[in-house]
Amino acid sequence: MKLSARNLLKAKVSKITMGAVNAEVELELGDGQKVISIITINSVKNLGLEVGKNAYAMIKASSVMIAVD
């Protein structure tokens, strides 16, 4: 798999919350941090996502803001 996204995080599906049209998928990274994504229910099914299954979070953004106190 080759991608243009520079931020590719290997994770494990820790929770899937199904809605009427979309699903909230929670991925747990190796260090205990979590990434949450909203995707369609069809995408959950097509990807075969299940709790405990490995997956990747691909983050591609046109801008990333950083703030400090």
N, C-alpha and C. Protein backbone atom coordinates (compact mmCIF):
# COMPACT_ATOMS: atom_id res chain seq x y z
N MET A 1 0.84 -1.17 0.00
CA MET A 1 0.00 0.00 0.00
C MET A 1 0.89 1.24 0.00
N LYS A 2 0.73 2.11 -0.98
CA LYS A 2 1.45 3.37 -1.03
C LYS A 2 0.43 4.50 -0.96
N LEU A 3 0.74 5.49 -0.12
CA LEU A 3 -0.18 6.60 0.09
C LEU A 3 0.59 7.91 0.11
N SER A 4 -0.12 8.99 -0.18
CA SER A 4 0.50 10.30 -0.08
C SER A 4 0.40 10.86 1.34
N ALA A 5 -0.47 10.30 2.16
CA ALA A 5 -0.62 10.78 3.53
C ALA A 5 0.66 10.50 4.32
N ARG A 6 1.14 11.49 5.02
CA ARG A 6 2.39 11.33 5.78
C ARG A 6 2.13 10.80 7.19
N ASN A 7 0.93 10.95 7.66
CA ASN A 7 0.61 10.52 9.01
C ASN A 7 -0.21 9.25 8.97
N LEU A 8 0.44 8.12 9.10
CA LEU A 8 -0.19 6.81 9.06
C LEU A 8 0.09 6.14 10.40
N LEU A 9 -0.96 5.94 11.18
CA LEU A 9 -0.81 5.41 12.53
C LEU A 9 -1.45 4.03 12.63
N LYS A 10 -0.64 3.03 12.98
CA LYS A 10 -1.17 1.69 13.16
C LYS A 10 -1.87 1.64 14.51
N ALA A 11 -3.06 1.04 14.53
CA ALA A 11 -3.87 1.04 15.75
C ALA A 11 -4.73 -0.21 15.80
N LYS A 12 -5.51 -0.28 16.87
CA LYS A 12 -6.45 -1.39 17.04
C LYS A 12 -7.82 -0.78 17.30
N VAL A 13 -8.86 -1.33 16.65
CA VAL A 13 -10.21 -0.85 16.87
C VAL A 13 -10.62 -1.19 18.30
N SER A 14 -10.96 -0.15 19.08
CA SER A 14 -11.33 -0.38 20.48
C SER A 14 -12.83 -0.20 20.72
N LYS A 15 -13.51 0.50 19.81
CA LYS A 15 -14.95 0.73 20.01
C LYS A 15 -15.58 1.15 18.69
N ILE A 16 -16.77 0.67 18.42
CA ILE A 16 -17.55 1.11 17.26
C ILE A 16 -18.95 1.44 17.76
N THR A 17 -19.37 2.68 17.53
CA THR A 17 -20.71 3.12 17.91
C THR A 17 -21.49 3.40 16.64
N MET A 18 -22.48 2.56 16.37
CA MET A 18 -23.27 2.70 15.15
C MET A 18 -24.38 3.73 15.35
N GLY A 19 -24.55 4.59 14.35
CA GLY A 19 -25.65 5.54 14.33
C GLY A 19 -26.61 5.15 13.23
N ALA A 20 -27.48 6.07 12.83
CA ALA A 20 -28.46 5.80 11.79
C ALA A 20 -27.79 5.69 10.41
N VAL A 21 -26.80 6.54 10.16
CA VAL A 21 -26.12 6.57 8.86
C VAL A 21 -24.62 6.39 9.01
N ASN A 22 -24.05 6.98 10.04
CA ASN A 22 -22.60 6.95 10.27
C ASN A 22 -22.26 6.14 11.50
N ALA A 23 -20.98 5.83 11.63
CA ALA A 23 -20.48 5.14 12.80
C ALA A 23 -19.28 5.90 13.34
N GLU A 24 -19.14 5.91 14.66
CA GLU A 24 -17.97 6.48 15.31
C GLU A 24 -17.04 5.33 15.62
N VAL A 25 -15.84 5.38 15.05
CA VAL A 25 -14.86 4.30 15.23
C VAL A 25 -13.71 4.84 16.06
N GLU A 26 -13.45 4.18 17.17
CA GLU A 26 -12.37 4.57 18.06
C GLU A 26 -11.19 3.62 17.86
N LEU A 27 -10.04 4.20 17.55
CA LEU A 27 -8.82 3.43 17.37
C LEU A 27 -7.88 3.73 18.52
N GLU A 28 -7.30 2.70 19.10
CA GLU A 28 -6.34 2.89 20.18
C GLU A 28 -4.94 2.66 19.64
N LEU A 29 -4.08 3.65 19.87
CA LEU A 29 -2.69 3.57 19.44
C LEU A 29 -1.90 2.76 20.47
N GLY A 30 -0.72 2.34 20.14
CA GLY A 30 0.08 1.51 21.03
C GLY A 30 0.39 2.15 22.37
N ASP A 31 0.41 3.47 22.45
CA ASP A 31 0.75 4.16 23.70
C ASP A 31 -0.47 4.55 24.52
N GLY A 32 -1.64 4.01 24.17
CA GLY A 32 -2.87 4.28 24.91
C GLY A 32 -3.64 5.49 24.43
N GLN A 33 -3.07 6.27 23.52
CA GLN A 33 -3.81 7.40 22.96
C GLN A 33 -4.84 6.88 21.98
N LYS A 34 -5.89 7.69 21.75
CA LYS A 34 -6.98 7.27 20.87
C LYS A 34 -7.19 8.26 19.74
N VAL A 35 -7.62 7.72 18.61
CA VAL A 35 -8.03 8.52 17.46
C VAL A 35 -9.46 8.10 17.17
N ILE A 36 -10.35 9.07 16.99
CA ILE A 36 -11.75 8.77 16.72
C ILE A 36 -12.12 9.33 15.35
N SER A 37 -12.79 8.53 14.56
CA SER A 37 -13.19 8.92 13.22
C SER A 37 -14.67 8.62 13.01
N ILE A 38 -15.34 9.49 12.27
CA ILE A 38 -16.73 9.27 11.87
C ILE A 38 -16.71 8.82 10.41
N ILE A 39 -17.19 7.61 10.15
CA ILE A 39 -17.26 7.09 8.78
C ILE A 39 -18.65 6.50 8.55
N THR A 40 -18.96 6.22 7.31
CA THR A 40 -20.27 5.65 7.02
C THR A 40 -20.37 4.21 7.51
N ILE A 41 -21.58 3.78 7.76
CA ILE A 41 -21.81 2.39 8.15
C ILE A 41 -21.36 1.46 7.03
N ASN A 42 -21.58 1.86 5.78
CA ASN A 42 -21.12 1.05 4.64
C ASN A 42 -19.61 0.87 4.68
N SER A 43 -18.87 1.91 5.05
CA SER A 43 -17.41 1.80 5.14
C SER A 43 -17.00 0.84 6.24
N VAL A 44 -17.70 0.87 7.38
CA VAL A 44 -17.41 -0.07 8.47
C VAL A 44 -17.57 -1.50 7.95
N LYS A 45 -18.66 -1.74 7.23
CA LYS A 45 -18.93 -3.09 6.70
C LYS A 45 -17.92 -3.47 5.63
N ASN A 46 -17.66 -2.56 4.69
CA ASN A 46 -16.73 -2.86 3.59
C ASN A 46 -15.32 -3.13 4.08
N LEU A 47 -14.91 -2.44 5.14
CA LEU A 47 -13.57 -2.66 5.70
C LEU A 47 -13.53 -3.85 6.66
N GLY A 48 -14.69 -4.38 7.00
CA GLY A 48 -14.75 -5.50 7.93
C GLY A 48 -14.27 -5.12 9.32
N LEU A 49 -14.54 -3.87 9.73
CA LEU A 49 -14.07 -3.40 11.02
C LEU A 49 -14.81 -4.09 12.17
N GLU A 50 -14.05 -4.52 13.15
CA GLU A 50 -14.57 -5.14 14.36
C GLU A 50 -13.67 -4.75 15.51
N VAL A 51 -14.22 -4.69 16.71
CA VAL A 51 -13.42 -4.41 17.89
C VAL A 51 -12.32 -5.47 18.00
N GLY A 52 -11.10 -5.01 18.23
CA GLY A 52 -9.95 -5.90 18.34
C GLY A 52 -9.17 -6.08 17.05
N LYS A 53 -9.73 -5.65 15.93
CA LYS A 53 -9.05 -5.79 14.64
C LYS A 53 -8.06 -4.65 14.45
N ASN A 54 -6.93 -4.93 13.82
CA ASN A 54 -5.94 -3.90 13.50
C ASN A 54 -6.45 -3.05 12.35
N ALA A 55 -6.10 -1.77 12.39
CA ALA A 55 -6.47 -0.83 11.34
C ALA A 55 -5.46 0.31 11.35
N TYR A 56 -5.53 1.15 10.37
CA TYR A 56 -4.65 2.31 10.28
C TYR A 56 -5.48 3.58 10.29
N ALA A 57 -5.01 4.59 11.01
CA ALA A 57 -5.58 5.92 10.93
C ALA A 57 -4.69 6.71 9.98
N MET A 58 -5.26 7.19 8.89
CA MET A 58 -4.52 8.02 7.95
C MET A 58 -5.01 9.45 8.11
N ILE A 59 -4.09 10.34 8.41
CA ILE A 59 -4.46 11.73 8.66
C ILE A 59 -3.85 12.59 7.57
N LYS A 60 -4.71 13.24 6.83
CA LYS A 60 -4.28 14.13 5.75
C LYS A 60 -5.05 15.43 5.92
N ALA A 61 -4.35 16.48 6.22
CA ALA A 61 -5.00 17.76 6.45
C ALA A 61 -4.26 18.85 5.69
N SER A 62 -5.01 19.85 5.25
CA SER A 62 -4.37 20.96 4.55
C SER A 62 -3.67 21.90 5.54
N SER A 63 -4.10 21.84 6.80
CA SER A 63 -3.43 22.64 7.82
C SER A 63 -3.57 21.96 9.18
N VAL A 64 -2.57 22.15 10.00
CA VAL A 64 -2.59 21.67 11.37
C VAL A 64 -2.23 22.85 12.25
N MET A 65 -3.10 23.17 13.20
CA MET A 65 -2.85 24.30 14.10
C MET A 65 -2.21 23.80 15.38
N ILE A 66 -1.28 24.58 15.89
CA ILE A 66 -0.62 24.27 17.15
C ILE A 66 -0.78 25.47 18.06
N ALA A 67 -1.11 25.21 19.33
CA ALA A 67 -1.30 26.29 20.29
C ALA A 67 -0.50 25.99 21.57
N VAL A 68 -0.13 27.04 22.27
CA VAL A 68 0.51 26.90 23.57
C VAL A 68 -0.12 27.91 24.51
N ASP A 69 0.05 27.68 25.81
CA ASP A 69 -0.46 28.63 26.82
C ASP A 69 0.43 29.83 26.90
